[in-house]
Every structure is written in C-alpha cells, then in structure tokens.
Amino acid sequence: MIANYYKIDPNGPLELSNLRLLYTLVGGRNFHWFFLVSLQVEIVGGTNILPYVPVTQEAILAGDCAALSRALQSIAEGIEMITAVMARTYGSQQAAHLWKHT
C-alpha cells in the first residue's frame, strides 16, 4: 500500500488532500478514500508514534520519568492525530455504511 500513491503537489505534504492512488483493483471514490485514509494512518503512525516506542522502553529501563513522560505525550499526540484522520472517513467523504462493506 505504501508505494501505491503519488503526491499531487510533489513539494506538498504527505496529507490526504495531496495524495492520489496509482492503482486500484475495483476503483470508485469509496475505495480510493479507504486506501488513502489507511495510508494516512500509516504515515502518522510511522512518524508520530513508532519513533517514540523505543524511547519509552529506554526511559523505563533507565528509570527516567521525565523522558518517559515526554515520549508518552508524543505517542498520545500521534494517537490524537490518527483519531482525527479516522474521523474524516465518516464526515466529509463517505457514509459509514459504505465503509462496513469496503
């Protein structure tokens, strides 16, 4: 999935409004949106959550409460960002009943 997109504006952000799919199996707006939202979740998780997992582990092993708190705060912010991306799936683009069958 990660390699199945292109940026509309090559200099723009890796964000839903600037992404299009290269290939689809079925096509249609519902499928495009489904895959793009999944891609955005992976982008957010990979840049805003994943890097802080080893930091939390190291902070726990070192007994560094301040570093642990900062890392957990960063992870929480990443989860909030993913929540916002997921909220878009039900608002501006598609009805929830369509997602259930996608």
C-alpha atoms as a PDB file:
ATOM      1  CA  MET A   1       0.000   0.000   0.000  1.00  0.00           C
ATOM      2  CA  ILE A   2       2.759   2.451   0.873  1.00  0.00           C
ATOM      3  CA  ALA A   3       4.098   2.520  -2.695  1.00  0.00           C
ATOM      4  CA  ASN A   4       0.668   2.896  -4.318  1.00  0.00           C
ATOM      5  CA  TYR A   5       0.279   6.664  -4.186  1.00  0.00           C
ATOM      6  CA  TYR A   6       1.642   9.865  -5.587  1.00  0.00           C
ATOM      7  CA  LYS A   7       1.616  13.423  -4.322  1.00  0.00           C
ATOM      8  CA  ILE A   8      -0.488  15.811  -6.376  1.00  0.00           C
ATOM      9  CA  ASP A   9       1.922  18.595  -5.463  1.00  0.00           C
ATOM     10  CA  PRO A  10       5.353  16.942  -5.248  1.00  0.00           C
ATOM     11  CA  ASN A  11       6.533  19.649  -2.849  1.00  0.00           C
ATOM     12  CA  GLY A  12       3.391  19.459  -0.720  1.00  0.00           C
ATOM     13  CA  PRO A  13       2.796  17.478   2.471  1.00  0.00           C
ATOM     14  CA  LEU A  14       2.068  13.770   2.829  1.00  0.00           C
ATOM     15  CA  GLU A  15      -1.575  14.507   3.640  1.00  0.00           C
ATOM     16  CA  LEU A  16      -4.899  13.180   2.358  1.00  0.00           C
ATOM     17  CA  SER A  17      -5.704  16.288   0.354  1.00  0.00           C
ATOM     18  CA  ASN A  18      -2.394  15.969  -1.527  1.00  0.00           C
ATOM     19  CA  LEU A  19      -2.457  12.216  -2.280  1.00  0.00           C
ATOM     20  CA  ARG A  20      -3.879  10.113  -5.111  1.00  0.00           C
ATOM     21  CA  LEU A  21      -3.697   6.388  -5.732  1.00  0.00           C
ATOM     22  CA  LEU A  22      -1.659   4.990  -8.599  1.00  0.00           C
ATOM     23  CA  TYR A  23      -3.596   1.710  -8.952  1.00  0.00           C
ATOM     24  CA  THR A  24      -6.885   0.336  -7.678  1.00  0.00           C
ATOM     25  CA  LEU A  25      -8.383  -3.109  -8.021  1.00  0.00           C
ATOM     26  CA  VAL A  26     -12.007  -2.053  -8.056  1.00  0.00           C
ATOM     27  CA  GLY A  27     -11.973   1.699  -8.421  1.00  0.00           C
ATOM     28  CA  GLY A  28     -14.535   4.199  -7.319  1.00  0.00           C
ATOM     29  CA  ARG A  29     -14.415   7.014  -4.836  1.00  0.00           C
ATOM     30  CA  ASN A  30     -15.123   4.780  -1.824  1.00  0.00           C
ATOM     31  CA  PHE A  31     -12.146   2.540  -2.478  1.00  0.00           C
ATOM     32  CA  HIS A  32      -9.810   5.418  -3.222  1.00  0.00           C
ATOM     33  CA  TRP A  33     -10.760   7.121   0.040  1.00  0.00           C
ATOM     34  CA  PHE A  34     -10.471   3.879   2.025  1.00  0.00           C
ATOM     35  CA  PHE A  35      -6.915   3.263   0.846  1.00  0.00           C
ATOM     36  CA  LEU A  36      -5.838   6.879   1.202  1.00  0.00           C
ATOM     37  CA  VAL A  37      -7.133   7.057   4.767  1.00  0.00           C
ATOM     38  CA  SER A  38      -5.282   3.819   5.563  1.00  0.00           C
ATOM     39  CA  LEU A  39      -2.133   5.314   4.044  1.00  0.00           C
ATOM     40  CA  GLN A  40      -2.509   8.496   6.096  1.00  0.00           C
ATOM     41  CA  VAL A  41      -2.875   6.421   9.286  1.00  0.00           C
ATOM     42  CA  GLU A  42       0.357   4.594   8.416  1.00  0.00           C
ATOM     43  CA  ILE A  43       2.145   7.878   7.720  1.00  0.00           C
ATOM     44  CA  VAL A  44       1.011   9.418  11.003  1.00  0.00           C
ATOM     45  CA  GLY A  45       1.823   6.276  12.979  1.00  0.00           C
ATOM     46  CA  GLY A  46       5.207   5.885  11.366  1.00  0.00           C
ATOM     47  CA  THR A  47       6.257   9.454  12.012  1.00  0.00           C
ATOM     48  CA  ASN A  48       4.463  10.321  15.252  1.00  0.00           C
ATOM     49  CA  ILE A  49       4.173   7.075  17.225  1.00  0.00           C
ATOM     50  CA  LEU A  50       6.691   4.452  16.122  1.00  0.00           C
ATOM     51  CA  PRO A  51       9.833   6.520  16.815  1.00  0.00           C
ATOM     52  CA  TYR A  52       8.781   7.005  20.439  1.00  0.00           C
ATOM     53  CA  VAL A  53       8.238   3.325  21.279  1.00  0.00           C
ATOM     54  CA  PRO A  54      11.939   2.563  21.811  1.00  0.00           C
ATOM     55  CA  VAL A  55      12.312   5.875  23.665  1.00  0.00           C
ATOM     56  CA  THR A  56       9.656   4.758  26.146  1.00  0.00           C
ATOM     57  CA  GLN A  57      11.388   1.400  26.582  1.00  0.00           C
ATOM     58  CA  GLU A  58      14.762   3.045  27.165  1.00  0.00           C
ATOM     59  CA  ALA A  59      13.251   5.544  29.610  1.00  0.00           C
ATOM     60  CA  ILE A  60      11.620   2.736  31.591  1.00  0.00           C
ATOM     61  CA  LEU A  61      14.861   0.760  31.761  1.00  0.00           C
ATOM     62  CA  ALA A  62      16.789   3.872  32.802  1.00  0.00           C
ATOM     63  CA  GLY A  63      14.164   4.939  35.316  1.00  0.00           C
ATOM     64  CA  ASP A  64      13.922   8.313  33.564  1.00  0.00           C
ATOM     65  CA  CYS A  65      10.400   9.502  34.386  1.00  0.00           C
ATOM     66  CA  ALA A  66      10.777  12.817  32.570  1.00  0.00           C
ATOM     67  CA  ALA A  67      11.860  11.147  29.307  1.00  0.00           C
ATOM     68  CA  LEU A  68       9.088   8.579  29.678  1.00  0.00           C
ATOM     69  CA  SER A  69       6.517  11.320  30.174  1.00  0.00           C
ATOM     70  CA  ARG A  70       7.707  13.203  27.072  1.00  0.00           C
ATOM     71  CA  ALA A  71       7.685  10.066  24.938  1.00  0.00           C
ATOM     72  CA  LEU A  72       4.220   9.031  26.123  1.00  0.00           C
ATOM     73  CA  GLN A  73       2.944  12.549  25.433  1.00  0.00           C
ATOM     74  CA  SER A  74       4.291  12.313  21.884  1.00  0.00           C
ATOM     75  CA  ILE A  75       2.598   8.938  21.415  1.00  0.00           C
ATOM     76  CA  ALA A  76      -0.675  10.364  22.767  1.00  0.00           C
ATOM     77  CA  GLU A  77      -0.446  13.247  20.290  1.00  0.00           C
ATOM     78  CA  GLY A  78       0.126  10.756  17.463  1.00  0.00           C
ATOM     79  CA  ILE A  79      -2.959   8.799  18.532  1.00  0.00           C
ATOM     80  CA  GLU A  80      -4.962  12.034  18.528  1.00  0.00           C
ATOM     81  CA  MET A  81      -3.741  12.719  15.000  1.00  0.00           C
ATOM     82  CA  ILE A  82      -4.837   9.250  13.870  1.00  0.00           C
ATOM     83  CA  THR A  83      -8.203   9.786  15.545  1.00  0.00           C
ATOM     84  CA  ALA A  84      -8.614  12.994  13.545  1.00  0.00           C
ATOM     85  CA  VAL A  85      -7.748  11.166  10.303  1.00  0.00           C
ATOM     86  CA  MET A  86     -10.251   8.429  11.091  1.00  0.00           C
ATOM     87  CA  ALA A  87     -12.936  10.997  11.907  1.00  0.00           C
ATOM     88  CA  ARG A  88     -12.592  12.318   8.369  1.00  0.00           C
ATOM     89  CA  THR A  89     -13.699   8.952   6.989  1.00  0.00           C
ATOM     90  CA  TYR A  90     -17.188   9.444   8.339  1.00  0.00           C
ATOM     91  CA  GLY A  91     -17.533  13.146   7.748  1.00  0.00           C
ATOM     92  CA  SER A  92     -16.583  14.781   4.515  1.00  0.00           C
ATOM     93  CA  GLN A  93     -16.140  11.885   2.107  1.00  0.00           C
ATOM     94  CA  GLN A  94     -18.090   8.710   2.798  1.00  0.00           C
ATOM     95  CA  ALA A  95     -21.061   7.372   4.722  1.00  0.00           C
ATOM     96  CA  ALA A  96     -20.298   4.886   7.488  1.00  0.00           C
ATOM     97  CA  HIS A  97     -22.455   2.149   5.954  1.00  0.00           C
ATOM     98  CA  LEU A  98     -20.254   2.144   2.842  1.00  0.00           C
ATOM     99  CA  TRP A  99     -17.133   1.529   4.924  1.00  0.00           C
ATOM    100  CA  LYS A 100     -18.635  -1.507   6.578  1.00  0.00           C
ATOM    101  CA  HIS A 101     -18.727  -3.281   3.207  1.00  0.00           C
ATOM    102  CA  THR A 102     -15.439  -1.989   1.778  1.00  0.00           C
END
